[in-house]
Amino acid sequence: MERIDVRKLTVEGRDLLRQMVVRLRQQSGMRVEDLAKVSGAHPSTIRGWLARAKRDGTKSLEPRKSSYGPAIGKIVAGGDHGDPVI
């Protein structure tokens, strides 16, 4: 399978891929390199998912909320005077 950029998947697609990879590892004991070939994700991404699954258990398979979003309400420096802009 071709390598894919997991960041370009939809949230649902990324969650589904992560769940598939973690379950494959749990059920078959596949190596990280083999999981990467099957899924198309980079081995370091797979290692991160597996580490999180080991640390958090089945909770790690639940969909995650994105930490990205609009900067609404954040204070940033603005203008030449360094006045905060909200």
PDB file of N, CA and C in Angstrom:
ATOM      1  N   MET A   1       0.845  -1.174   0.000  1.00  0.00           N
ATOM      2  CA  MET A   1       0.000   0.000   0.000  1.00  0.00           C
ATOM      3  C   MET A   1       0.892   1.240   0.000  1.00  0.00           C
ATOM      4  N   GLU A   2       0.453   2.262  -0.692  1.00  0.00           N
ATOM      5  CA  GLU A   2       1.207   3.518  -0.714  1.00  0.00           C
ATOM      6  C   GLU A   2       1.145   4.197   0.646  1.00  0.00           C
ATOM      7  N   ARG A   3       2.200   4.914   0.954  1.00  0.00           N
ATOM      8  CA  ARG A   3       2.234   5.682   2.201  1.00  0.00           C
ATOM      9  C   ARG A   3       1.250   6.841   2.068  1.00  0.00           C
ATOM     10  N   ILE A   4       0.488   7.101   3.113  1.00  0.00           N
ATOM     11  CA  ILE A   4      -0.476   8.196   3.094  1.00  0.00           C
ATOM     12  C   ILE A   4      -0.098   9.211   4.158  1.00  0.00           C
ATOM     13  N   ASP A   5      -0.553  10.436   3.960  1.00  0.00           N
ATOM     14  CA  ASP A   5      -0.370  11.477   4.981  1.00  0.00           C
ATOM     15  C   ASP A   5      -1.614  11.442   5.857  1.00  0.00           C
ATOM     16  N   VAL A   6      -1.475  10.852   7.031  1.00  0.00           N
ATOM     17  CA  VAL A   6      -2.607  10.654   7.932  1.00  0.00           C
ATOM     18  C   VAL A   6      -3.252  11.989   8.294  1.00  0.00           C
ATOM     19  N   ARG A   7      -2.444  13.064   8.320  1.00  0.00           N
ATOM     20  CA  ARG A   7      -2.979  14.381   8.682  1.00  0.00           C
ATOM     21  C   ARG A   7      -4.004  14.881   7.675  1.00  0.00           C
ATOM     22  N   LYS A   8      -3.972  14.347   6.452  1.00  0.00           N
ATOM     23  CA  LYS A   8      -4.908  14.802   5.420  1.00  0.00           C
ATOM     24  C   LYS A   8      -6.218  14.027   5.423  1.00  0.00           C
ATOM     25  N   LEU A   9      -6.316  13.004   6.256  1.00  0.00           N
ATOM     26  CA  LEU A   9      -7.562  12.255   6.376  1.00  0.00           C
ATOM     27  C   LEU A   9      -8.572  13.064   7.176  1.00  0.00           C
ATOM     28  N   THR A  10      -9.828  12.733   6.992  1.00  0.00           N
ATOM     29  CA  THR A  10     -10.856  13.345   7.841  1.00  0.00           C
ATOM     30  C   THR A  10     -10.665  12.825   9.255  1.00  0.00           C
ATOM     31  N   VAL A  11     -11.264  13.485  10.214  1.00  0.00           N
ATOM     32  CA  VAL A  11     -11.177  13.043  11.604  1.00  0.00           C
ATOM     33  C   VAL A  11     -11.708  11.618  11.717  1.00  0.00           C
ATOM     34  N   GLU A  12     -12.822  11.349  11.052  1.00  0.00           N
ATOM     35  CA  GLU A  12     -13.421  10.021  11.104  1.00  0.00           C
ATOM     36  C   GLU A  12     -12.505   8.980  10.473  1.00  0.00           C
ATOM     37  N   GLY A  13     -11.896   9.328   9.344  1.00  0.00           N
ATOM     38  CA  GLY A  13     -10.990   8.412   8.665  1.00  0.00           C
ATOM     39  C   GLY A  13      -9.763   8.100   9.502  1.00  0.00           C
ATOM     40  N   ARG A  14      -9.216   9.116  10.143  1.00  0.00           N
ATOM     41  CA  ARG A  14      -8.041   8.940  11.001  1.00  0.00           C
ATOM     42  C   ARG A  14      -8.384   8.059  12.209  1.00  0.00           C
ATOM     43  N   ASP A  15      -9.543   8.310  12.817  1.00  0.00           N
ATOM     44  CA  ASP A  15      -9.971   7.499  13.960  1.00  0.00           C
ATOM     45  C   ASP A  15     -10.171   6.043  13.554  1.00  0.00           C
ATOM     46  N   LEU A  16     -10.783   5.826  12.401  1.00  0.00           N
ATOM     47  CA  LEU A  16     -11.030   4.468  11.918  1.00  0.00           C
ATOM     48  C   LEU A  16      -9.713   3.745  11.632  1.00  0.00           C
ATOM     49  N   LEU A  17      -8.775   4.428  10.998  1.00  0.00           N
ATOM     50  CA  LEU A  17      -7.472   3.836  10.708  1.00  0.00           C
ATOM     51  C   LEU A  17      -6.733   3.490  11.999  1.00  0.00           C
ATOM     52  N   ARG A  18      -6.748   4.400  12.960  1.00  0.00           N
ATOM     53  CA  ARG A  18      -6.090   4.172  14.252  1.00  0.00           C
ATOM     54  C   ARG A  18      -6.695   2.966  14.963  1.00  0.00           C
ATOM     55  N   GLN A  19      -8.024   2.882  14.970  1.00  0.00           N
ATOM     56  CA  GLN A  19      -8.699   1.754  15.605  1.00  0.00           C
ATOM     57  C   GLN A  19      -8.324   0.440  14.923  1.00  0.00           C
ATOM     58  N   MET A  20      -8.287   0.452  13.596  1.00  0.00           N
ATOM     59  CA  MET A  20      -7.943  -0.746  12.837  1.00  0.00           C
ATOM     60  C   MET A  20      -6.528  -1.219  13.181  1.00  0.00           C
ATOM     61  N   VAL A  21      -5.593  -0.279  13.206  1.00  0.00           N
ATOM     62  CA  VAL A  21      -4.197  -0.618  13.472  1.00  0.00           C
ATOM     63  C   VAL A  21      -4.035  -1.182  14.885  1.00  0.00           C
ATOM     64  N   VAL A  22      -4.629  -0.537  15.863  1.00  0.00           N
ATOM     65  CA  VAL A  22      -4.497  -0.998  17.247  1.00  0.00           C
ATOM     66  C   VAL A  22      -5.127  -2.373  17.412  1.00  0.00           C
ATOM     67  N   ARG A  23      -6.283  -2.589  16.814  1.00  0.00           N
ATOM     68  CA  ARG A  23      -6.939  -3.898  16.933  1.00  0.00           C
ATOM     69  C   ARG A  23      -6.151  -4.988  16.220  1.00  0.00           C
ATOM     70  N   LEU A  24      -5.598  -4.665  15.054  1.00  0.00           N
ATOM     71  CA  LEU A  24      -4.760  -5.639  14.354  1.00  0.00           C
ATOM     72  C   LEU A  24      -3.580  -6.054  15.214  1.00  0.00           C
ATOM     73  N   ARG A  25      -2.957  -5.094  15.865  1.00  0.00           N
ATOM     74  CA  ARG A  25      -1.816  -5.399  16.733  1.00  0.00           C
ATOM     75  C   ARG A  25      -2.246  -6.280  17.899  1.00  0.00           C
ATOM     76  N   GLN A  26      -3.391  -5.937  18.515  1.00  0.00           N
ATOM     77  CA  GLN A  26      -3.873  -6.704  19.667  1.00  0.00           C
ATOM     78  C   GLN A  26      -4.240  -8.136  19.274  1.00  0.00           C
ATOM     79  N   GLN A  27      -4.860  -8.290  18.106  1.00  0.00           N
ATOM     80  CA  GLN A  27      -5.371  -9.605  17.715  1.00  0.00           C
ATOM     81  C   GLN A  27      -4.326 -10.475  17.036  1.00  0.00           C
ATOM     82  N   SER A  28      -3.405  -9.860  16.302  1.00  0.00           N
ATOM     83  CA  SER A  28      -2.469 -10.661  15.525  1.00  0.00           C
ATOM     84  C   SER A  28      -1.024 -10.518  15.965  1.00  0.00           C
ATOM     85  N   GLY A  29      -0.728  -9.459  16.728  1.00  0.00           N
ATOM     86  CA  GLY A  29       0.644  -9.232  17.143  1.00  0.00           C
ATOM     87  C   GLY A  29       1.560  -8.803  16.008  1.00  0.00           C
ATOM     88  N   MET A  30       0.973  -8.245  14.948  1.00  0.00           N
ATOM     89  CA  MET A  30       1.777  -7.810  13.797  1.00  0.00           C
ATOM     90  C   MET A  30       2.844  -6.814  14.219  1.00  0.00           C
ATOM     91  N   ARG A  31       3.961  -6.841  13.530  1.00  0.00           N
ATOM     92  CA  ARG A  31       5.045  -5.895  13.786  1.00  0.00           C
ATOM     93  C   ARG A  31       4.653  -4.508  13.280  1.00  0.00           C
ATOM     94  N   VAL A  32       5.278  -3.484  13.837  1.00  0.00           N
ATOM     95  CA  VAL A  32       4.999  -2.104  13.458  1.00  0.00           C
ATOM     96  C   VAL A  32       5.217  -1.903  11.956  1.00  0.00           C
ATOM     97  N   GLU A  33       6.301  -2.460  11.432  1.00  0.00           N
ATOM     98  CA  GLU A  33       6.603  -2.296  10.009  1.00  0.00           C
ATOM     99  C   GLU A  33       5.509  -2.903   9.136  1.00  0.00           C
ATOM    100  N   ASP A  34       4.972  -4.054   9.547  1.00  0.00           N
ATOM    101  CA  ASP A  34       3.895  -4.694   8.788  1.00  0.00           C
ATOM    102  C   ASP A  34       2.601  -3.898   8.896  1.00  0.00           C
ATOM    103  N   LEU A  35       2.326  -3.369  10.083  1.00  0.00           N
ATOM    104  CA  LEU A  35       1.138  -2.521  10.253  1.00  0.00           C
ATOM    105  C   LEU A  35       1.241  -1.276   9.384  1.00  0.00           C
ATOM    106  N   ALA A  36       2.436  -0.724   9.277  1.00  0.00           N
ATOM    107  CA  ALA A  36       2.650   0.456   8.448  1.00  0.00           C
ATOM    108  C   ALA A  36       2.405   0.128   6.974  1.00  0.00           C
ATOM    109  N   LYS A  37       2.858  -1.029   6.533  1.00  0.00           N
ATOM    110  CA  LYS A  37       2.639  -1.431   5.134  1.00  0.00           C
ATOM    111  C   LYS A  37       1.161  -1.628   4.842  1.00  0.00           C
ATOM    112  N   VAL A  38       0.468  -2.277   5.762  1.00  0.00           N
ATOM    113  CA  VAL A  38      -0.954  -2.564   5.570  1.00  0.00           C
ATOM    114  C   VAL A  38      -1.790  -1.287   5.604  1.00  0.00           C
ATOM    115  N   SER A  39      -1.463  -0.390   6.529  1.00  0.00           N
ATOM    116  CA  SER A  39      -2.291   0.804   6.723  1.00  0.00           C
ATOM    117  C   SER A  39      -1.885   1.973   5.839  1.00  0.00           C
ATOM    118  N   GLY A  40      -0.612   2.001   5.440  1.00  0.00           N
ATOM    119  CA  GLY A  40      -0.125   3.131   4.664  1.00  0.00           C
ATOM    120  C   GLY A  40       0.376   4.273   5.523  1.00  0.00           C
ATOM    121  N   ALA A  41       0.254   4.157   6.839  1.00  0.00           N
ATOM    122  CA  ALA A  41       0.720   5.200   7.756  1.00  0.00           C
ATOM    123  C   ALA A  41       2.208   4.989   8.042  1.00  0.00           C
ATOM    124  N   HIS A  42       2.880   6.034   8.458  1.00  0.00           N
ATOM    125  CA  HIS A  42       4.299   5.961   8.766  1.00  0.00           C
ATOM    126  C   HIS A  42       4.518   5.150  10.048  1.00  0.00           C
ATOM    127  N   PRO A  43       5.602   4.375  10.119  1.00  0.00           N
ATOM    128  CA  PRO A  43       5.849   3.576  11.325  1.00  0.00           C
ATOM    129  C   PRO A  43       5.884   4.401  12.618  1.00  0.00           C
ATOM    130  N   SER A  44       6.382   5.625  12.569  1.00  0.00           N
ATOM    131  CA  SER A  44       6.401   6.433  13.795  1.00  0.00           C
ATOM    132  C   SER A  44       4.990   6.811  14.237  1.00  0.00           C
ATOM    133  N   THR A  45       4.094   6.991  13.282  1.00  0.00           N
ATOM    134  CA  THR A  45       2.684   7.248  13.614  1.00  0.00           C
ATOM    135  C   THR A  45       2.085   6.021  14.286  1.00  0.00           C
ATOM    136  N   ILE A  46       2.377   4.856  13.723  1.00  0.00           N
ATOM    137  CA  ILE A  46       1.882   3.595  14.292  1.00  0.00           C
ATOM    138  C   ILE A  46       2.399   3.423  15.719  1.00  0.00           C
ATOM    139  N   ARG A  47       3.682   3.684  15.921  1.00  0.00           N
ATOM    140  CA  ARG A  47       4.260   3.549  17.273  1.00  0.00           C
ATOM    141  C   ARG A  47       3.557   4.467  18.270  1.00  0.00           C
ATOM    142  N   GLY A  48       3.252   5.690  17.833  1.00  0.00           N
ATOM    143  CA  GLY A  48       2.541   6.623  18.702  1.00  0.00           C
ATOM    144  C   GLY A  48       1.157   6.121  19.068  1.00  0.00           C
ATOM    145  N   TRP A  49       0.446   5.597  18.081  1.00  0.00           N
ATOM    146  CA  TRP A  49      -0.882   5.059  18.344  1.00  0.00           C
ATOM    147  C   TRP A  49      -0.817   3.886  19.313  1.00  0.00           C
ATOM    148  N   LEU A  50       0.159   3.000  19.107  1.00  0.00           N
ATOM    149  CA  LEU A  50       0.280   1.827  19.966  1.00  0.00           C
ATOM    150  C   LEU A  50       0.695   2.214  21.385  1.00  0.00           C
ATOM    151  N   ALA A  51       1.571   3.192  21.508  1.00  0.00           N
ATOM    152  CA  ALA A  51       1.986   3.663  22.839  1.00  0.00           C
ATOM    153  C   ALA A  51       0.797   4.259  23.572  1.00  0.00           C
ATOM    154  N   ARG A  52      -0.004   5.031  22.854  1.00  0.00           N
ATOM    155  CA  ARG A  52      -1.194   5.622  23.468  1.00  0.00           C
ATOM    156  C   ARG A  52      -2.189   4.542  23.877  1.00  0.00           C
ATOM    157  N   ALA A  53      -2.346   3.508  23.037  1.00  0.00           N
ATOM    158  CA  ALA A  53      -3.264   2.417  23.361  1.00  0.00           C
ATOM    159  C   ALA A  53      -2.775   1.658  24.590  1.00  0.00           C
ATOM    160  N   LYS A  54      -1.477   1.473  24.709  1.00  0.00           N
ATOM    161  CA  LYS A  54      -0.918   0.783  25.869  1.00  0.00           C
ATOM    162  C   LYS A  54      -1.107   1.621  27.134  1.00  0.00           C
ATOM    163  N   ARG A  55      -0.908   2.928  26.998  1.00  0.00           N
ATOM    164  CA  ARG A  55      -1.012   3.832  28.149  1.00  0.00           C
ATOM    165  C   ARG A  55      -2.465   4.039  28.575  1.00  0.00           C
ATOM    166  N   ASP A  56      -3.369   4.252  27.604  1.00  0.00           N
ATOM    167  CA  ASP A  56      -4.750   4.629  27.915  1.00  0.00           C
ATOM    168  C   ASP A  56      -5.756   3.486  27.794  1.00  0.00           C
ATOM    169  N   GLY A  57      -5.347   2.341  27.310  1.00  0.00           N
ATOM    170  CA  GLY A  57      -6.259   1.211  27.153  1.00  0.00           C
ATOM    171  C   GLY A  57      -7.301   1.469  26.073  1.00  0.00           C
ATOM    172  N   THR A  58      -8.495   0.926  26.262  1.00  0.00           N
ATOM    173  CA  THR A  58      -9.540   1.035  25.244  1.00  0.00           C
ATOM    174  C   THR A  58     -10.019   2.476  25.071  1.00  0.00           C
ATOM    175  N   LYS A  59      -9.766   3.311  26.062  1.00  0.00           N
ATOM    176  CA  LYS A  59     -10.142   4.722  25.941  1.00  0.00           C
ATOM    177  C   LYS A  59      -9.429   5.369  24.745  1.00  0.00           C
ATOM    178  N   SER A  60      -8.252   4.839  24.408  1.00  0.00           N
ATOM    179  CA  SER A  60      -7.489   5.411  23.301  1.00  0.00           C
ATOM    180  C   SER A  60      -8.163   5.175  21.956  1.00  0.00           C
ATOM    181  N   LEU A  61      -9.094   4.230  21.894  1.00  0.00           N
ATOM    182  CA  LEU A  61      -9.780   3.953  20.632  1.00  0.00           C
ATOM    183  C   LEU A  61     -10.956   4.890  20.389  1.00  0.00           C
ATOM    184  N   GLU A  62     -11.324   5.655  21.384  1.00  0.00           N
ATOM    185  CA  GLU A  62     -12.425   6.602  21.219  1.00  0.00           C
ATOM    186  C   GLU A  62     -11.969   7.763  20.339  1.00  0.00           C
ATOM    187  N   PRO A  63     -12.897   8.327  19.566  1.00  0.00           N
ATOM    188  CA  PRO A  63     -12.531   9.483  18.735  1.00  0.00           C
ATOM    189  C   PRO A  63     -12.003  10.620  19.598  1.00  0.00           C
ATOM    190  N   ARG A  64     -11.006  11.317  19.064  1.00  0.00           N
ATOM    191  CA  ARG A  64     -10.398  12.437  19.785  1.00  0.00           C
ATOM    192  C   ARG A  64     -10.906  13.747  19.212  1.00  0.00           C
ATOM    193  N   LYS A  65     -11.015  14.739  20.090  1.00  0.00           N
ATOM    194  CA  LYS A  65     -11.355  16.075  19.624  1.00  0.00           C
ATOM    195  C   LYS A  65     -10.084  16.731  19.107  1.00  0.00           C
ATOM    196  N   SER A  66     -10.229  17.464  18.041  1.00  0.00           N
ATOM    197  CA  SER A  66      -9.082  18.143  17.460  1.00  0.00           C
ATOM    198  C   SER A  66      -8.654  19.297  18.352  1.00  0.00           C
ATOM    199  N   SER A  67      -7.363  19.499  18.447  1.00  0.00           N
ATOM    200  CA  SER A  67      -6.870  20.633  19.226  1.00  0.00           C
ATOM    201  C   SER A  67      -6.768  21.879  18.360  1.00  0.00           C
ATOM    202  N   TYR A  68      -7.050  21.697  17.076  1.00  0.00           N
ATOM    203  CA  TYR A  68      -7.004  22.835  16.163  1.00  0.00           C
ATOM    204  C   TYR A  68      -8.372  23.481  16.086  1.00  0.00           C
ATOM    205  N   GLY A  69      -8.372  24.771  15.884  1.00  0.00           N
ATOM    206  CA  GLY A  69      -9.633  25.467  15.759  1.00  0.00           C
ATOM    207  C   GLY A  69      -9.389  26.949  15.649  1.00  0.00           C
ATOM    208  N   PRO A  70     -10.436  27.706  15.486  1.00  0.00           N
ATOM    209  CA  PRO A  70     -10.256  29.145  15.349  1.00  0.00           C
ATOM    210  C   PRO A  70      -9.711  29.772  16.629  1.00  0.00           C
ATOM    211  N   ALA A  71      -9.009  30.847  16.460  1.00  0.00           N
ATOM    212  CA  ALA A  71      -8.385  31.532  17.597  1.00  0.00           C
ATOM    213  C   ALA A  71      -9.336  32.559  18.194  1.00  0.00           C
ATOM    214  N   ILE A  72     -10.577  32.197  18.359  1.00  0.00           N
ATOM    215  CA  ILE A  72     -11.579  33.099  18.896  1.00  0.00           C
ATOM    216  C   ILE A  72     -11.334  33.302  20.385  1.00  0.00           C
ATOM    217  N   GLY A  73     -11.262  34.544  20.802  1.00  0.00           N
ATOM    218  CA  GLY A  73     -11.095  34.857  22.208  1.00  0.00           C
ATOM    219  C   GLY A  73      -9.664  34.796  22.700  1.00  0.00           C
ATOM    220  N   LYS A  74      -8.733  34.484  21.821  1.00  0.00           N
ATOM    221  CA  LYS A  74      -7.340  34.446  22.239  1.00  0.00           C
ATOM    222  C   LYS A  74      -6.752  35.837  22.146  1.00  0.00           C
ATOM    223  N   ILE A  75      -5.908  36.178  23.070  1.00  0.00           N
ATOM    224  CA  ILE A  75      -5.272  37.486  23.076  1.00  0.00           C
ATOM    225  C   ILE A  75      -3.946  37.369  22.339  1.00  0.00           C
ATOM    226  N   VAL A  76      -3.769  38.244  21.367  1.00  0.00           N
ATOM    227  CA  VAL A  76      -2.516  38.267  20.615  1.00  0.00           C
ATOM    228  C   VAL A  76      -1.978  39.681  20.615  1.00  0.00           C
ATOM    229  N   ALA A  77      -0.673  39.818  20.514  1.00  0.00           N
ATOM    230  CA  ALA A  77      -0.084  41.153  20.432  1.00  0.00           C
ATOM    231  C   ALA A  77      -0.446  41.752  19.083  1.00  0.00           C
ATOM    232  N   GLY A  78      -0.757  43.021  19.079  1.00  0.00           N
ATOM    233  CA  GLY A  78      -1.150  43.639  17.829  1.00  0.00           C
ATOM    234  C   GLY A  78      -0.593  45.039  17.694  1.00  0.00           C
ATOM    235  N   GLY A  79      -0.486  45.494  16.477  1.00  0.00           N
ATOM    236  CA  GLY A  79      -0.023  46.854  16.213  1.00  0.00           C
ATOM    237  C   GLY A  79       1.419  47.075  16.604  1.00  0.00           C
ATOM    238  N   ASP A  80       1.848  48.289  16.448  1.00  0.00           N
ATOM    239  CA  ASP A  80       3.217  48.642  16.779  1.00  0.00           C
ATOM    240  C   ASP A  80       3.408  48.882  18.273  1.00  0.00           C
ATOM    241  N   HIS A  81       2.318  49.020  18.988  1.00  0.00           N
ATOM    242  CA  HIS A  81       2.389  49.361  20.395  1.00  0.00           C
ATOM    243  C   HIS A  81       2.307  48.122  21.299  1.00  0.00           C
ATOM    244  N   GLY A  82       2.112  46.959  20.719  1.00  0.00           N
ATOM    245  CA  GLY A  82       2.010  45.747  21.529  1.00  0.00           C
ATOM    246  C   GLY A  82       0.727  45.663  22.309  1.00  0.00           C
ATOM    247  N   ASP A  83      -0.283  46.445  21.907  1.00  0.00           N
ATOM    248  CA  ASP A  83      -1.568  46.398  22.592  1.00  0.00           C
ATOM    249  C   ASP A  83      -2.234  45.056  22.279  1.00  0.00           C
ATOM    250  N   PRO A  84      -2.860  44.447  23.279  1.00  0.00           N
ATOM    251  CA  PRO A  84      -3.536  43.158  23.007  1.00  0.00           C
ATOM    252  C   PRO A  84      -4.737  43.384  22.108  1.00  0.00           C
ATOM    253  N   VAL A  85      -4.928  42.464  21.189  1.00  0.00           N
ATOM    254  CA  VAL A  85      -6.078  42.463  20.299  1.00  0.00           C
ATOM    255  C   VAL A  85      -6.899  41.227  20.611  1.00  0.00           C
ATOM    256  N   ILE A  86      -8.184  41.433  20.842  1.00  0.00           N
ATOM    257  CA  ILE A  86      -9.041  40.288  21.207  1.00  0.00           C
ATOM    258  C   ILE A  86      -9.955  39.974  20.059  1.00  0.00           C
TER     259      ILE A  86
END
